[in-house]
Amino acid sequence: MNYTDIISTVGVFLILLAFFLHTFKYLPDNCKLYFILNLIGGAFACYGSVLLGSWPFIVLEGTWSVVALVGLIKTFIERR
């Protein structure tokens, strides 16, 4: 397994972990950890896609990360 595979695998694992934890109610709605896992996972997967030169996945994972970042920011604003 090379560097690109490791980065991409970690990213996808974090996204799937967040999805699993949220789906089975281990994480409540609007949980910061959910957005953090998605943000970091999406960023890693996006970086892996950049290394591979896969534009569709760069767009997908980049958008995933931006949406997770916006969701995380909203949780901080709503808790004030």
C-alpha atoms as a PDB file:
ATOM      1  CA  MET A   1       0.000   0.000   0.000  1.00  0.00           C
ATOM      2  CA  ASN A   2       1.505   3.321  -1.026  1.00  0.00           C
ATOM      3  CA  TYR A   3       1.166   6.821   0.467  1.00  0.00           C
ATOM      4  CA  THR A   4      -1.803   7.789  -1.727  1.00  0.00           C
ATOM      5  CA  ASP A   5      -3.681   4.624  -0.801  1.00  0.00           C
ATOM      6  CA  ILE A   6      -3.096   5.199   2.908  1.00  0.00           C
ATOM      7  CA  ILE A   7      -4.256   8.837   2.807  1.00  0.00           C
ATOM      8  CA  SER A   8      -7.340   7.961   0.770  1.00  0.00           C
ATOM      9  CA  THR A   9      -8.198   4.954   2.929  1.00  0.00           C
ATOM     10  CA  VAL A  10      -7.960   6.947   6.155  1.00  0.00           C
ATOM     11  CA  GLY A  11     -10.185   9.646   4.663  1.00  0.00           C
ATOM     12  CA  VAL A  12     -12.848   7.233   3.471  1.00  0.00           C
ATOM     13  CA  PHE A  13     -12.720   5.365   6.791  1.00  0.00           C
ATOM     14  CA  LEU A  14     -13.390   8.586   8.727  1.00  0.00           C
ATOM     15  CA  ILE A  15     -16.316   9.513   6.480  1.00  0.00           C
ATOM     16  CA  LEU A  16     -17.836   6.038   6.830  1.00  0.00           C
ATOM     17  CA  LEU A  17     -17.242   6.062  10.591  1.00  0.00           C
ATOM     18  CA  ALA A  18     -19.134   9.354  10.893  1.00  0.00           C
ATOM     19  CA  PHE A  19     -21.953   7.969   8.742  1.00  0.00           C
ATOM     20  CA  PHE A  20     -22.192   4.772  10.808  1.00  0.00           C
ATOM     21  CA  LEU A  21     -22.111   6.586  14.164  1.00  0.00           C
ATOM     22  CA  HIS A  22     -24.767   9.069  13.072  1.00  0.00           C
ATOM     23  CA  THR A  23     -27.036   6.502  11.404  1.00  0.00           C
ATOM     24  CA  PHE A  24     -27.092   4.249  14.451  1.00  0.00           C
ATOM     25  CA  LYS A  25     -27.576   7.200  16.827  1.00  0.00           C
ATOM     26  CA  TYR A  26     -24.212   6.988  18.559  1.00  0.00           C
ATOM     27  CA  LEU A  27     -23.817  10.670  17.695  1.00  0.00           C
ATOM     28  CA  PRO A  28     -26.651  13.169  18.198  1.00  0.00           C
ATOM     29  CA  ASP A  29     -27.793  15.546  15.475  1.00  0.00           C
ATOM     30  CA  ASN A  30     -25.554  18.597  15.028  1.00  0.00           C
ATOM     31  CA  CYS A  31     -22.718  16.918  16.913  1.00  0.00           C
ATOM     32  CA  LYS A  32     -19.345  18.604  16.437  1.00  0.00           C
ATOM     33  CA  LEU A  33     -17.573  15.233  16.222  1.00  0.00           C
ATOM     34  CA  TYR A  34     -19.757  14.246  13.250  1.00  0.00           C
ATOM     35  CA  PHE A  35     -18.725  17.342  11.318  1.00  0.00           C
ATOM     36  CA  ILE A  36     -15.073  17.025  12.364  1.00  0.00           C
ATOM     37  CA  LEU A  37     -14.882  13.413  11.168  1.00  0.00           C
ATOM     38  CA  ASN A  38     -16.478  14.408   7.859  1.00  0.00           C
ATOM     39  CA  LEU A  39     -14.228  17.445   7.469  1.00  0.00           C
ATOM     40  CA  ILE A  40     -10.989  15.581   8.122  1.00  0.00           C
ATOM     41  CA  GLY A  41     -12.105  12.496   6.207  1.00  0.00           C
ATOM     42  CA  GLY A  42     -13.221  14.546   3.230  1.00  0.00           C
ATOM     43  CA  ALA A  43      -9.992  16.545   3.237  1.00  0.00           C
ATOM     44  CA  PHE A  44      -7.860  13.386   3.311  1.00  0.00           C
ATOM     45  CA  ALA A  45      -9.930  11.752   0.572  1.00  0.00           C
ATOM     46  CA  CYS A  46      -9.751  14.959  -1.489  1.00  0.00           C
ATOM     47  CA  TYR A  47      -5.981  15.098  -1.092  1.00  0.00           C
ATOM     48  CA  GLY A  48      -5.735  11.447  -2.143  1.00  0.00           C
ATOM     49  CA  SER A  49      -7.856  12.267  -5.183  1.00  0.00           C
ATOM     50  CA  VAL A  50      -5.542  15.163  -6.037  1.00  0.00           C
ATOM     51  CA  LEU A  51      -2.580  12.801  -5.873  1.00  0.00           C
ATOM     52  CA  LEU A  52      -4.408  10.450  -8.232  1.00  0.00           C
ATOM     53  CA  GLY A  53      -5.571  13.268 -10.509  1.00  0.00           C
ATOM     54  CA  SER A  54      -9.215  12.170 -10.281  1.00  0.00           C
ATOM     55  CA  TRP A  55     -11.224  15.343 -10.889  1.00  0.00           C
ATOM     56  CA  PRO A  56     -14.696  13.914 -10.159  1.00  0.00           C
ATOM     57  CA  PHE A  57     -13.550  12.788  -6.718  1.00  0.00           C
ATOM     58  CA  ILE A  58     -11.649  16.013  -6.090  1.00  0.00           C
ATOM     59  CA  VAL A  59     -14.914  17.886  -6.610  1.00  0.00           C
ATOM     60  CA  LEU A  60     -16.916  15.388  -4.542  1.00  0.00           C
ATOM     61  CA  GLU A  61     -14.565  15.265  -1.576  1.00  0.00           C
ATOM     62  CA  GLY A  62     -13.761  18.974  -1.726  1.00  0.00           C
ATOM     63  CA  THR A  63     -17.471  19.788  -1.600  1.00  0.00           C
ATOM     64  CA  TRP A  64     -17.931  17.237   1.195  1.00  0.00           C
ATOM     65  CA  SER A  65     -15.254  19.002   3.243  1.00  0.00           C
ATOM     66  CA  VAL A  66     -16.663  22.484   2.648  1.00  0.00           C
ATOM     67  CA  VAL A  67     -20.171  21.382   3.631  1.00  0.00           C
ATOM     68  CA  ALA A  68     -18.806  19.727   6.781  1.00  0.00           C
ATOM     69  CA  LEU A  69     -16.892  22.917   7.638  1.00  0.00           C
ATOM     70  CA  VAL A  70     -20.036  25.023   7.212  1.00  0.00           C
ATOM     71  CA  GLY A  71     -21.970  22.580   9.399  1.00  0.00           C
ATOM     72  CA  LEU A  72     -19.265  22.749  12.066  1.00  0.00           C
ATOM     73  CA  ILE A  73     -19.279  26.551  12.024  1.00  0.00           C
ATOM     74  CA  LYS A  74     -23.081  26.524  12.350  1.00  0.00           C
ATOM     75  CA  THR A  75     -22.846  24.379  15.498  1.00  0.00           C
ATOM     76  CA  PHE A  76     -20.570  26.963  17.093  1.00  0.00           C
ATOM     77  CA  ILE A  77     -22.877  29.832  16.113  1.00  0.00           C
ATOM     78  CA  GLU A  78     -26.033  28.065  17.332  1.00  0.00           C
ATOM     79  CA  ARG A  79     -24.555  27.289  20.747  1.00  0.00           C
ATOM     80  CA  ARG A  80     -23.888  30.937  21.598  1.00  0.00           C
END
